[in-house]
Amino acid sequence: QVQLVESGGGLVEPGGSLRVSCAATGRASSIYGMGWYRQAPGKQRELVGVTVPDGTANDAPSLSGRFTISRDAYHHTVTLQLNSLRPEDTATYYCVADTASGRSWGQGTQVTVSF
C-alpha cells in the first residue's frame, strides 16, 4: 500500500504561480510512476502529467508549457509547478503513484485562481 499526501494548494490571482507537492509513504520504494491529475468543478478528471524513473513524462500537451512536474525518486516526492495560472486552472489537483499493484490516489489539494 502506498499513501499519498498533497500540500501547497491555495488561492492565487490570474497570472500567478503556485507549487503543489506530494509525498509518498508506505511501500513507496515500489513506485515506478508518479504524477498529477486534476478535476475542475463539473468536469471529468484529466491528466496533468506522470513521470517514470528514467525521466520520461506523459504530459497533457495543452498544459506542458505552463506546468512542470519534478520528481525526487529517492525521497518519493513529486512536485507540480504551476505558472501563468488562469481561472480555468481552478481545480482539485490529485497526486497519483503507480506500482505493480495498481494506482494510488491522494486526497487532493484545491487550487483556486481568482482575483
PDB file of N, CA and C in Angstrom:
ATOM      1  N   GLN A   1       0.835  -1.190   0.000  1.00  0.00           N
ATOM      2  CA  GLN A   1       0.000   0.000   0.000  1.00  0.00           C
ATOM      3  C   GLN A   1       0.873   1.243   0.000  1.00  0.00           C
ATOM      4  N   VAL A   2       0.458   2.205  -0.782  1.00  0.00           N
ATOM      5  CA  VAL A   2       1.138   3.495  -0.852  1.00  0.00           C
ATOM      6  C   VAL A   2       0.157   4.564  -0.418  1.00  0.00           C
ATOM      7  N   GLN A   3       0.600   5.437   0.471  1.00  0.00           N
ATOM      8  CA  GLN A   3      -0.221   6.567   0.890  1.00  0.00           C
ATOM      9  C   GLN A   3       0.405   7.848   0.334  1.00  0.00           C
ATOM     10  N   LEU A   4      -0.454   8.740  -0.130  1.00  0.00           N
ATOM     11  CA  LEU A   4      -0.001   9.988  -0.744  1.00  0.00           C
ATOM     12  C   LEU A   4      -0.627  11.167  -0.018  1.00  0.00           C
ATOM     13  N   VAL A   5       0.189  12.169   0.255  1.00  0.00           N
ATOM     14  CA  VAL A   5      -0.299  13.374   0.918  1.00  0.00           C
ATOM     15  C   VAL A   5       0.149  14.580   0.115  1.00  0.00           C
ATOM     16  N   GLU A   6      -0.836  15.349  -0.359  1.00  0.00           N
ATOM     17  CA  GLU A   6      -0.537  16.569  -1.118  1.00  0.00           C
ATOM     18  C   GLU A   6      -0.510  17.778  -0.195  1.00  0.00           C
ATOM     19  N   SER A   7       0.185  18.797  -0.634  1.00  0.00           N
ATOM     20  CA  SER A   7       0.220  20.065   0.098  1.00  0.00           C
ATOM     21  C   SER A   7       0.517  21.187  -0.874  1.00  0.00           C
ATOM     22  N   GLY A   8       0.226  22.415  -0.449  1.00  0.00           N
ATOM     23  CA  GLY A   8       0.630  23.567  -1.232  1.00  0.00           C
ATOM     24  C   GLY A   8      -0.449  24.229  -2.050  1.00  0.00           C
ATOM     25  N   GLY A   9      -1.653  23.722  -2.046  1.00  0.00           N
ATOM     26  CA  GLY A   9      -2.721  24.385  -2.792  1.00  0.00           C
ATOM     27  C   GLY A   9      -3.115  25.693  -2.136  1.00  0.00           C
ATOM     28  N   GLY A  10      -4.008  26.437  -2.810  1.00  0.00           N
ATOM     29  CA  GLY A  10      -4.480  27.687  -2.249  1.00  0.00           C
ATOM     30  C   GLY A  10      -5.091  28.592  -3.285  1.00  0.00           C
ATOM     31  N   LEU A  11      -5.219  29.859  -2.924  1.00  0.00           N
ATOM     32  CA  LEU A  11      -5.802  30.879  -3.788  1.00  0.00           C
ATOM     33  C   LEU A  11      -4.686  31.705  -4.408  1.00  0.00           C
ATOM     34  N   VAL A  12      -4.759  31.905  -5.718  1.00  0.00           N
ATOM     35  CA  VAL A  12      -3.761  32.700  -6.429  1.00  0.00           C
ATOM     36  C   VAL A  12      -4.459  33.528  -7.491  1.00  0.00           C
ATOM     37  N   GLU A  13      -3.930  34.704  -7.770  1.00  0.00           N
ATOM     38  CA  GLU A  13      -4.522  35.562  -8.791  1.00  0.00           C
ATOM     39  C   GLU A  13      -4.134  35.085 -10.188  1.00  0.00           C
ATOM     40  N   PRO A  14      -4.957  35.380 -11.172  1.00  0.00           N
ATOM     41  CA  PRO A  14      -4.594  35.039 -12.561  1.00  0.00           C
ATOM     42  C   PRO A  14      -3.219  35.596 -12.932  1.00  0.00           C
ATOM     43  N   GLY A  15      -2.462  34.772 -13.622  1.00  0.00           N
ATOM     44  CA  GLY A  15      -1.092  35.138 -13.977  1.00  0.00           C
ATOM     45  C   GLY A  15      -0.060  34.742 -12.948  1.00  0.00           C
ATOM     46  N   GLY A  16      -0.507  34.347 -11.793  1.00  0.00           N
ATOM     47  CA  GLY A  16       0.401  33.972 -10.717  1.00  0.00           C
ATOM     48  C   GLY A  16       0.901  32.549 -10.828  1.00  0.00           C
ATOM     49  N   SER A  17       1.701  32.165  -9.825  1.00  0.00           N
ATOM     50  CA  SER A  17       2.290  30.835  -9.792  1.00  0.00           C
ATOM     51  C   SER A  17       2.010  30.176  -8.452  1.00  0.00           C
ATOM     52  N   LEU A  18       2.069  28.868  -8.468  1.00  0.00           N
ATOM     53  CA  LEU A  18       1.832  28.083  -7.259  1.00  0.00           C
ATOM     54  C   LEU A  18       2.574  26.772  -7.415  1.00  0.00           C
ATOM     55  N   ARG A  19       2.993  26.223  -6.295  1.00  0.00           N
ATOM     56  CA  ARG A  19       3.635  24.913  -6.303  1.00  0.00           C
ATOM     57  C   ARG A  19       2.891  23.987  -5.365  1.00  0.00           C
ATOM     58  N   VAL A  20       2.551  22.815  -5.880  1.00  0.00           N
ATOM     59  CA  VAL A  20       1.930  21.788  -5.047  1.00  0.00           C
ATOM     60  C   VAL A  20       2.864  20.587  -5.001  1.00  0.00           C
ATOM     61  N   SER A  21       2.884  19.953  -3.838  1.00  0.00           N
ATOM     62  CA  SER A  21       3.804  18.849  -3.620  1.00  0.00           C
ATOM     63  C   SER A  21       3.065  17.622  -3.124  1.00  0.00           C
ATOM     64  N   CYS A  22       3.723  16.483  -3.279  1.00  0.00           N
ATOM     65  CA  CYS A  22       3.132  15.220  -2.857  1.00  0.00           C
ATOM     66  C   CYS A  22       4.243  14.330  -2.298  1.00  0.00           C
ATOM     67  N   ALA A  23       3.969  13.754  -1.153  1.00  0.00           N
ATOM     68  CA  ALA A  23       4.916  12.830  -0.535  1.00  0.00           C
ATOM     69  C   ALA A  23       4.264  11.466  -0.382  1.00  0.00           C
ATOM     70  N   ALA A  24       5.015  10.427  -0.733  1.00  0.00           N
ATOM     71  CA  ALA A  24       4.518   9.056  -0.639  1.00  0.00           C
ATOM     72  C   ALA A  24       5.128   8.361   0.566  1.00  0.00           C
ATOM     73  N   THR A  25       4.300   7.588   1.241  1.00  0.00           N
ATOM     74  CA  THR A  25       4.767   6.753   2.346  1.00  0.00           C
ATOM     75  C   THR A  25       4.226   5.346   2.156  1.00  0.00           C
ATOM     76  N   GLY A  26       4.566   4.472   3.068  1.00  0.00           N
ATOM     77  CA  GLY A  26       4.168   3.082   2.914  1.00  0.00           C
ATOM     78  C   GLY A  26       5.165   2.366   2.022  1.00  0.00           C
ATOM     79  N   ARG A  27       4.686   1.611   1.053  1.00  0.00           N
ATOM     80  CA  ARG A  27       5.576   0.875   0.136  1.00  0.00           C
ATOM     81  C   ARG A  27       6.045   1.784  -0.997  1.00  0.00           C
ATOM     82  N   ALA A  28       6.588   2.940  -0.610  1.00  0.00           N
ATOM     83  CA  ALA A  28       6.966   3.934  -1.597  1.00  0.00           C
ATOM     84  C   ALA A  28       8.094   3.454  -2.503  1.00  0.00           C
ATOM     85  N   SER A  29       8.926   2.530  -2.012  1.00  0.00           N
ATOM     86  CA  SER A  29      10.033   2.048  -2.832  1.00  0.00           C
ATOM     87  C   SER A  29       9.560   1.243  -4.032  1.00  0.00           C
ATOM     88  N   SER A  30       8.300   0.829  -4.031  1.00  0.00           N
ATOM     89  CA  SER A  30       7.756   0.059  -5.152  1.00  0.00           C
ATOM     90  C   SER A  30       7.168   0.940  -6.246  1.00  0.00           C
ATOM     91  N   ILE A  31       7.190   2.247  -6.060  1.00  0.00           N
ATOM     92  CA  ILE A  31       6.592   3.174  -7.023  1.00  0.00           C
ATOM     93  C   ILE A  31       7.470   3.280  -8.253  1.00  0.00           C
ATOM     94  N   TYR A  32       6.864   3.179  -9.443  1.00  0.00           N
ATOM     95  CA  TYR A  32       7.633   3.469 -10.650  1.00  0.00           C
ATOM     96  C   TYR A  32       7.114   4.698 -11.380  1.00  0.00           C
ATOM     97  N   GLY A  33       5.883   5.090 -11.185  1.00  0.00           N
ATOM     98  CA  GLY A  33       5.352   6.292 -11.815  1.00  0.00           C
ATOM     99  C   GLY A  33       4.709   7.182 -10.770  1.00  0.00           C
ATOM    100  N   MET A  34       4.936   8.490 -10.877  1.00  0.00           N
ATOM    101  CA  MET A  34       4.267   9.462 -10.004  1.00  0.00           C
ATOM    102  C   MET A  34       3.885  10.669 -10.829  1.00  0.00           C
ATOM    103  N   GLY A  35       2.762  11.270 -10.481  1.00  0.00           N
ATOM    104  CA  GLY A  35       2.360  12.456 -11.227  1.00  0.00           C
ATOM    105  C   GLY A  35       1.089  13.071 -10.694  1.00  0.00           C
ATOM    106  N   TRP A  36       0.403  13.763 -11.593  1.00  0.00           N
ATOM    107  CA  TRP A  36      -0.750  14.569 -11.194  1.00  0.00           C
ATOM    108  C   TRP A  36      -1.897  14.482 -12.182  1.00  0.00           C
ATOM    109  N   TYR A  37      -3.093  14.497 -11.622  1.00  0.00           N
ATOM    110  CA  TYR A  37      -4.334  14.708 -12.349  1.00  0.00           C
ATOM    111  C   TYR A  37      -5.024  15.921 -11.726  1.00  0.00           C
ATOM    112  N   ARG A  38      -6.028  16.412 -12.406  1.00  0.00           N
ATOM    113  CA  ARG A  38      -6.842  17.471 -11.829  1.00  0.00           C
ATOM    114  C   ARG A  38      -8.301  17.285 -12.223  1.00  0.00           C
ATOM    115  N   GLN A  39      -9.173  17.859 -11.403  1.00  0.00           N
ATOM    116  CA  GLN A  39     -10.603  17.807 -11.696  1.00  0.00           C
ATOM    117  C   GLN A  39     -11.224  19.147 -11.354  1.00  0.00           C
ATOM    118  N   ALA A  40     -11.736  19.797 -12.381  1.00  0.00           N
ATOM    119  CA  ALA A  40     -12.425  21.063 -12.201  1.00  0.00           C
ATOM    120  C   ALA A  40     -13.889  20.808 -11.889  1.00  0.00           C
ATOM    121  N   PRO A  41     -14.557  21.763 -11.258  1.00  0.00           N
ATOM    122  CA  PRO A  41     -15.977  21.581 -10.926  1.00  0.00           C
ATOM    123  C   PRO A  41     -16.813  21.265 -12.157  1.00  0.00           C
ATOM    124  N   GLY A  42     -17.587  20.201 -12.077  1.00  0.00           N
ATOM    125  CA  GLY A  42     -18.459  19.831 -13.171  1.00  0.00           C
ATOM    126  C   GLY A  42     -17.789  19.181 -14.356  1.00  0.00           C
ATOM    127  N   LYS A  43     -16.496  18.889 -14.231  1.00  0.00           N
ATOM    128  CA  LYS A  43     -15.762  18.286 -15.346  1.00  0.00           C
ATOM    129  C   LYS A  43     -15.143  16.967 -14.932  1.00  0.00           C
ATOM    130  N   GLN A  44     -14.729  16.201 -15.947  1.00  0.00           N
ATOM    131  CA  GLN A  44     -14.064  14.932 -15.683  1.00  0.00           C
ATOM    132  C   GLN A  44     -12.630  15.161 -15.221  1.00  0.00           C
ATOM    133  N   ARG A  45     -12.135  14.189 -14.486  1.00  0.00           N
ATOM    134  CA  ARG A  45     -10.740  14.247 -14.063  1.00  0.00           C
ATOM    135  C   ARG A  45      -9.855  14.110 -15.295  1.00  0.00           C
ATOM    136  N   GLU A  46      -8.788  14.917 -15.357  1.00  0.00           N
ATOM    137  CA  GLU A  46      -7.915  14.887 -16.521  1.00  0.00           C
ATOM    138  C   GLU A  46      -6.449  14.792 -16.103  1.00  0.00           C
ATOM    139  N   LEU A  47      -5.664  14.237 -16.998  1.00  0.00           N
ATOM    140  CA  LEU A  47      -4.226  14.073 -16.766  1.00  0.00           C
ATOM    141  C   LEU A  47      -3.514  15.419 -16.841  1.00  0.00           C
ATOM    142  N   VAL A  48      -2.643  15.655 -15.859  1.00  0.00           N
ATOM    143  CA  VAL A  48      -1.692  16.759 -15.961  1.00  0.00           C
ATOM    144  C   VAL A  48      -0.355  16.211 -16.451  1.00  0.00           C
ATOM    145  N   GLY A  49       0.146  15.169 -15.788  1.00  0.00           N
ATOM    146  CA  GLY A  49       1.372  14.522 -16.237  1.00  0.00           C
ATOM    147  C   GLY A  49       1.821  13.462 -15.251  1.00  0.00           C
ATOM    148  N   VAL A  50       2.498  12.453 -15.749  1.00  0.00           N
ATOM    149  CA  VAL A  50       3.041  11.383 -14.929  1.00  0.00           C
ATOM    150  C   VAL A  50       4.474  11.121 -15.367  1.00  0.00           C
ATOM    151  N   THR A  51       5.386  10.988 -14.398  1.00  0.00           N
ATOM    152  CA  THR A  51       6.782  10.719 -14.708  1.00  0.00           C
ATOM    153  C   THR A  51       7.134   9.297 -14.273  1.00  0.00           C
ATOM    154  N   VAL A  52       8.142   8.753 -14.942  1.00  0.00           N
ATOM    155  CA  VAL A  52       8.682   7.441 -14.594  1.00  0.00           C
ATOM    156  C   VAL A  52      10.173   7.613 -14.295  1.00  0.00           C
ATOM    157  N   PRO A  53      10.814   6.613 -13.689  1.00  0.00           N
ATOM    158  CA  PRO A  53      12.183   6.814 -13.197  1.00  0.00           C
ATOM    159  C   PRO A  53      13.203   7.273 -14.220  1.00  0.00           C
ATOM    160  N   ASP A  54      13.035   6.908 -15.484  1.00  0.00           N
ATOM    161  CA  ASP A  54      14.052   7.347 -16.449  1.00  0.00           C
ATOM    162  C   ASP A  54      13.838   8.784 -16.894  1.00  0.00           C
ATOM    163  N   GLY A  55      12.849   9.459 -16.314  1.00  0.00           N
ATOM    164  CA  GLY A  55      12.648  10.871 -16.571  1.00  0.00           C
ATOM    165  C   GLY A  55      11.622  11.189 -17.626  1.00  0.00           C
ATOM    166  N   THR A  56      11.172  10.201 -18.384  1.00  0.00           N
ATOM    167  CA  THR A  56      10.162  10.493 -19.403  1.00  0.00           C
ATOM    168  C   THR A  56       8.855  10.834 -18.716  1.00  0.00           C
ATOM    169  N   ALA A  57       8.079  11.644 -19.358  1.00  0.00           N
ATOM    170  CA  ALA A  57       6.841  12.108 -18.766  1.00  0.00           C
ATOM    171  C   ALA A  57       5.707  12.031 -19.772  1.00  0.00           C
ATOM    172  N   ASN A  58       4.555  11.707 -19.287  1.00  0.00           N
ATOM    173  CA  ASN A  58       3.347  11.731 -20.091  1.00  0.00           C
ATOM    174  C   ASN A  58       2.568  12.956 -19.656  1.00  0.00           C
ATOM    175  N   ASP A  59       2.743  14.032 -20.381  1.00  0.00           N
ATOM    176  CA  ASP A  59       2.133  15.298 -20.009  1.00  0.00           C
ATOM    177  C   ASP A  59       0.989  15.640 -20.937  1.00  0.00           C
ATOM    178  N   ALA A  60       0.008  16.355 -20.387  1.00  0.00           N
ATOM    179  CA  ALA A  60      -1.054  16.882 -21.223  1.00  0.00           C
ATOM    180  C   ALA A  60      -0.472  18.002 -22.088  1.00  0.00           C
ATOM    181  N   PRO A  61      -0.511  17.871 -23.405  1.00  0.00           N
ATOM    182  CA  PRO A  61       0.134  18.873 -24.281  1.00  0.00           C
ATOM    183  C   PRO A  61      -0.337  20.293 -24.030  1.00  0.00           C
ATOM    184  N   SER A  62      -1.589  20.455 -23.683  1.00  0.00           N
ATOM    185  CA  SER A  62      -2.127  21.809 -23.503  1.00  0.00           C
ATOM    186  C   SER A  62      -1.602  22.473 -22.242  1.00  0.00           C
ATOM    187  N   LEU A  63      -0.992  21.683 -21.338  1.00  0.00           N
ATOM    188  CA  LEU A  63      -0.529  22.228 -20.064  1.00  0.00           C
ATOM    189  C   LEU A  63       0.989  22.290 -19.951  1.00  0.00           C
ATOM    190  N   SER A  64       1.706  21.541 -20.780  1.00  0.00           N
ATOM    191  CA  SER A  64       3.141  21.382 -20.573  1.00  0.00           C
ATOM    192  C   SER A  64       3.918  22.686 -20.690  1.00  0.00           C
ATOM    193  N   GLY A  65       3.398  23.670 -21.357  1.00  0.00           N
ATOM    194  CA  GLY A  65       4.114  24.937 -21.464  1.00  0.00           C
ATOM    195  C   GLY A  65       4.046  25.772 -20.206  1.00  0.00           C
ATOM    196  N   ARG A  66       3.091  25.498 -19.348  1.00  0.00           N
ATOM    197  CA  ARG A  66       2.904  26.295 -18.128  1.00  0.00           C
ATOM    198  C   ARG A  66       3.142  25.494 -16.865  1.00  0.00           C
ATOM    199  N   PHE A  67       2.949  24.190 -16.951  1.00  0.00           N
ATOM    200  CA  PHE A  67       3.079  23.330 -15.769  1.00  0.00           C
ATOM    201  C   PHE A  67       4.323  22.460 -15.907  1.00  0.00           C
ATOM    202  N   THR A  68       5.028  22.291 -14.807  1.00  0.00           N
ATOM    203  CA  THR A  68       6.227  21.459 -14.807  1.00  0.00           C
ATOM    204  C   THR A  68       6.170  20.476 -13.644  1.00  0.00           C
ATOM    205  N   ILE A  69       6.426  19.213 -13.953  1.00  0.00           N
ATOM    206  CA  ILE A  69       6.454  18.175 -12.913  1.00  0.00           C
ATOM    207  C   ILE A  69       7.902  17.808 -12.622  1.00  0.00           C
ATOM    208  N   SER A  70       8.228  17.791 -11.340  1.00  0.00           N
ATOM    209  CA  SER A  70       9.563  17.379 -10.905  1.00  0.00           C
ATOM    210  C   SER A  70       9.410  16.243  -9.909  1.00  0.00           C
ATOM    211  N   ARG A  71      10.251  15.243 -10.094  1.00  0.00           N
ATOM    212  CA  ARG A  71      10.148  14.078  -9.217  1.00  0.00           C
ATOM    213  C   ARG A  71      11.484  13.812  -8.542  1.00  0.00           C
ATOM    214  N   ASP A  72      11.411  13.506  -7.256  1.00  0.00           N
ATOM    215  CA  ASP A  72      12.565  13.059  -6.486  1.00  0.00           C
ATOM    216  C   ASP A  72      12.304  11.609  -6.120  1.00  0.00           C
ATOM    217  N   ALA A  73      12.826  10.708  -6.947  1.00  0.00           N
ATOM    218  CA  ALA A  73      12.537   9.285  -6.751  1.00  0.00           C
ATOM    219  C   ALA A  73      13.144   8.764  -5.451  1.00  0.00           C
ATOM    220  N   TYR A  74      14.267   9.339  -5.039  1.00  0.00           N
ATOM    221  CA  TYR A  74      14.918   8.869  -3.806  1.00  0.00           C
ATOM    222  C   TYR A  74      14.065   9.177  -2.584  1.00  0.00           C
ATOM    223  N   HIS A  75      13.465  10.375  -2.561  1.00  0.00           N
ATOM    224  CA  HIS A  75      12.651  10.777  -1.414  1.00  0.00           C
ATOM    225  C   HIS A  75      11.165  10.506  -1.630  1.00  0.00           C
ATOM    226  N   HIS A  76      10.841   9.928  -2.785  1.00  0.00           N
ATOM    227  CA  HIS A  76       9.435   9.551  -3.073  1.00  0.00           C
ATOM    228  C   HIS A  76       8.516  10.764  -3.034  1.00  0.00           C
ATOM    229  N   THR A  77       8.930  11.837  -3.668  1.00  0.00           N
ATOM    230  CA  THR A  77       8.099  13.031  -3.746  1.00  0.00           C
ATOM    231  C   THR A  77       7.954  13.469  -5.194  1.00  0.00           C
ATOM    232  N   VAL A  78       6.894  14.189  -5.458  1.00  0.00           N
ATOM    233  CA  VAL A  78       6.686  14.772  -6.780  1.00  0.00           C
ATOM    234  C   VAL A  78       6.075  16.154  -6.579  1.00  0.00           C
ATOM    235  N   THR A  79       6.548  17.097  -7.386  1.00  0.00           N
ATOM    236  CA  THR A  79       6.114  18.480  -7.266  1.00  0.00           C
ATOM    237  C   THR A  79       5.544  18.955  -8.591  1.00  0.00           C
ATOM    238  N   LEU A  80       4.509  19.750  -8.512  1.00  0.00           N
ATOM    239  CA  LEU A  80       3.897  20.347  -9.698  1.00  0.00           C
ATOM    240  C   LEU A  80       4.019  21.862  -9.576  1.00  0.00           C
ATOM    241  N   GLN A  81       4.775  22.462 -10.487  1.00  0.00           N
ATOM    242  CA  GLN A  81       4.915  23.914 -10.548  1.00  0.00           C
ATOM    243  C   GLN A  81       3.923  24.446 -11.565  1.00  0.00           C
ATOM    244  N   LEU A  82       3.031  25.308 -11.107  1.00  0.00           N
ATOM    245  CA  LEU A  82       2.008  25.870 -11.981  1.00  0.00           C
ATOM    246  C   LEU A  82       2.314  27.351 -12.198  1.00  0.00           C
ATOM    247  N   ASN A  83       2.525  27.725 -13.449  1.00  0.00           N
ATOM    248  CA  ASN A  83       2.840  29.100 -13.806  1.00  0.00           C
ATOM    249  C   ASN A  83       1.762  29.672 -14.731  1.00  0.00           C
ATOM    250  N   SER A  84       1.731  30.995 -14.801  1.00  0.00           N
ATOM    251  CA  SER A  84       0.789  31.690 -15.692  1.00  0.00           C
ATOM    252  C   SER A  84      -0.626  31.145 -15.505  1.00  0.00           C
ATOM    253  N   LEU A  85      -1.031  31.067 -14.269  1.00  0.00           N
ATOM    254  CA  LEU A  85      -2.315  30.427 -13.963  1.00  0.00           C
ATOM    255  C   LEU A  85      -3.493  31.230 -14.496  1.00  0.00           C
ATOM    256  N   ARG A  86      -4.513  30.489 -14.882  1.00  0.00           N
ATOM    257  CA  ARG A  86      -5.740  31.061 -15.444  1.00  0.00           C
ATOM    258  C   ARG A  86      -6.925  30.616 -14.598  1.00  0.00           C
ATOM    259  N   PRO A  87      -8.016  31.348 -14.634  1.00  0.00           N
ATOM    260  CA  PRO A  87      -9.192  30.912 -13.855  1.00  0.00           C
ATOM    261  C   PRO A  87      -9.626  29.489 -14.191  1.00  0.00           C
ATOM    262  N   GLU A  88      -9.454  29.081 -15.438  1.00  0.00           N
ATOM    263  CA  GLU A  88      -9.862  27.734 -15.824  1.00  0.00           C
ATOM    264  C   GLU A  88      -8.947  26.642 -15.271  1.00  0.00           C
ATOM    265  N   ASP A  89      -7.851  27.032 -14.626  1.00  0.00           N
ATOM    266  CA  ASP A  89      -6.996  26.061 -13.945  1.00  0.00           C
ATOM    267  C   ASP A  89      -7.513  25.739 -12.547  1.00  0.00           C
ATOM    268  N   THR A  90      -8.562  26.434 -12.128  1.00  0.00           N
ATOM    269  CA  THR A  90      -9.166  26.131 -10.831  1.00  0.00           C
ATOM    270  C   THR A  90      -9.653  24.692 -10.811  1.00  0.00           C
ATOM    271  N   ALA A  91      -9.171  23.942  -9.835  1.00  0.00           N
ATOM    272  CA  ALA A  91      -9.482  22.513  -9.786  1.00  0.00           C
ATOM    273  C   ALA A  91      -8.914  21.921  -8.504  1.00  0.00           C
ATOM    274  N   THR A  92      -9.323  20.696  -8.243  1.00  0.00           N
ATOM    275  CA  THR A  92      -8.647  19.898  -7.226  1.00  0.00           C
ATOM    276  C   THR A  92      -7.561  19.103  -7.925  1.00  0.00           C
ATOM    277  N   TYR A  93      -6.354  19.201  -7.408  1.00  0.00           N
ATOM    278  CA  TYR A  93      -5.207  18.526  -8.012  1.00  0.00           C
ATOM    279  C   TYR A  93      -4.869  17.287  -7.180  1.00  0.00           C
ATOM    280  N   TYR A  94      -4.799  16.153  -7.886  1.00  0.00           N
ATOM    281  CA  TYR A  94      -4.596  14.867  -7.222  1.00  0.00           C
ATOM    282  C   TYR A  94      -3.238  14.287  -7.599  1.00  0.00           C
ATOM    283  N   CYS A  95      -2.529  13.843  -6.589  1.00  0.00           N
ATOM    284  CA  CYS A  95      -1.288  13.110  -6.801  1.00  0.00           C
ATOM    285  C   CYS A  95      -1.608  11.644  -7.047  1.00  0.00           C
ATOM    286  N   VAL A  96      -0.849  11.020  -7.949  1.00  0.00           N
ATOM    287  CA  VAL A  96      -1.008   9.595  -8.203  1.00  0.00           C
ATOM    288  C   VAL A  96       0.349   8.908  -8.146  1.00  0.00           C
ATOM    289  N   ALA A  97       0.322   7.647  -7.771  1.00  0.00           N
ATOM    290  CA  ALA A  97       1.531   6.824  -7.762  1.00  0.00           C
ATOM    291  C   ALA A  97       1.176   5.447  -8.289  1.00  0.00           C
ATOM    292  N   ASP A  98       2.000   4.951  -9.204  1.00  0.00           N
ATOM    293  CA  ASP A  98       1.781   3.659  -9.837  1.00  0.00           C
ATOM    294  C   ASP A  98       2.782   2.638  -9.332  1.00  0.00           C
ATOM    295  N   THR A  99       2.263   1.486  -8.953  1.00  0.00           N
ATOM    296  CA  THR A  99       3.094   0.338  -8.605  1.00  0.00           C
ATOM    297  C   THR A  99       2.576  -0.861  -9.383  1.00  0.00           C
ATOM    298  N   ALA A 100       3.220  -1.999  -9.210  1.00  0.00           N
ATOM    299  CA  ALA A 100       2.763  -3.217  -9.870  1.00  0.00           C
ATOM    300  C   ALA A 100       1.375  -3.624  -9.398  1.00  0.00           C
ATOM    301  N   SER A 101       0.964  -3.140  -8.234  1.00  0.00           N
ATOM    302  CA  SER A 101      -0.349  -3.481  -7.681  1.00  0.00           C
ATOM    303  C   SER A 101      -1.454  -2.568  -8.184  1.00  0.00           C
ATOM    304  N   GLY A 102      -1.084  -1.469  -8.833  1.00  0.00           N
ATOM    305  CA  GLY A 102      -2.090  -0.543  -9.330  1.00  0.00           C
ATOM    306  C   GLY A 102      -1.771   0.898  -9.003  1.00  0.00           C
ATOM    307  N   ARG A 103      -2.739   1.738  -9.090  1.00  0.00           N
ATOM    308  CA  ARG A 103      -2.571   3.189  -8.905  1.00  0.00           C
ATOM    309  C   ARG A 103      -3.170   3.625  -7.571  1.00  0.00           C
ATOM    310  N   SER A 104      -2.407   4.432  -6.837  1.00  0.00           N
ATOM    311  CA  SER A 104      -2.885   5.058  -5.609  1.00  0.00           C
ATOM    312  C   SER A 104      -3.140   6.537  -5.863  1.00  0.00           C
ATOM    313  N   TRP A 105      -4.137   7.057  -5.160  1.00  0.00           N
ATOM    314  CA  TRP A 105      -4.517   8.466  -5.300  1.00  0.00           C
ATOM    315  C   TRP A 105      -4.390   9.175  -3.962  1.00  0.00           C
ATOM    316  N   GLY A 106      -3.970  10.435  -4.019  1.00  0.00           N
ATOM    317  CA  GLY A 106      -4.022  11.278  -2.850  1.00  0.00           C
ATOM    318  C   GLY A 106      -5.418  11.829  -2.649  1.00  0.00           C
ATOM    319  N   GLN A 107      -5.593  12.576  -1.564  1.00  0.00           N
ATOM    320  CA  GLN A 107      -6.911  13.118  -1.247  1.00  0.00           C
ATOM    321  C   GLN A 107      -7.219  14.382  -2.027  1.00  0.00           C
ATOM    322  N   GLY A 108      -6.220  14.964  -2.648  1.00  0.00           N
ATOM    323  CA  GLY A 108      -6.413  16.155  -3.458  1.00  0.00           C
ATOM    324  C   GLY A 108      -6.111  17.437  -2.711  1.00  0.00           C
ATOM    325  N   THR A 109      -5.658  18.422  -3.448  1.00  0.00           N
ATOM    326  CA  THR A 109      -5.435  19.750  -2.890  1.00  0.00           C
ATOM    327  C   THR A 109      -6.074  20.782  -3.824  1.00  0.00           C
ATOM    328  N   GLN A 110      -6.775  21.728  -3.252  1.00  0.00           N
ATOM    329  CA  GLN A 110      -7.540  22.683  -4.042  1.00  0.00           C
ATOM    330  C   GLN A 110      -6.667  23.845  -4.497  1.00  0.00           C
ATOM    331  N   VAL A 111      -6.750  24.142  -5.794  1.00  0.00           N
ATOM    332  CA  VAL A 111      -6.112  25.323  -6.362  1.00  0.00           C
ATOM    333  C   VAL A 111      -7.214  26.196  -6.943  1.00  0.00           C
ATOM    334  N   THR A 112      -7.282  27.428  -6.478  1.00  0.00           N
ATOM    335  CA  THR A 112      -8.296  28.361  -6.956  1.00  0.00           C
ATOM    336  C   THR A 112      -7.595  29.576  -7.546  1.00  0.00           C
ATOM    337  N   VAL A 113      -7.939  29.898  -8.798  1.00  0.00           N
ATOM    338  CA  VAL A 113      -7.333  31.033  -9.494  1.00  0.00           C
ATOM    339  C   VAL A 113      -8.414  32.099  -9.655  1.00  0.00           C
ATOM    340  N   SER A 114      -8.259  33.193  -8.935  1.00  0.00           N
ATOM    341  CA  SER A 114      -9.291  34.221  -8.934  1.00  0.00           C
ATOM    342  C   SER A 114      -8.733  35.506  -8.344  1.00  0.00           C
ATOM    343  N   PHE A 115      -9.366  36.628  -8.704  1.00  0.00           N
ATOM    344  CA  PHE A 115      -8.997  37.910  -8.079  1.00  0.00           C
ATOM    345  C   PHE A 115      -9.647  38.016  -6.712  1.00  0.00           C
TER     346      PHE A 115
END
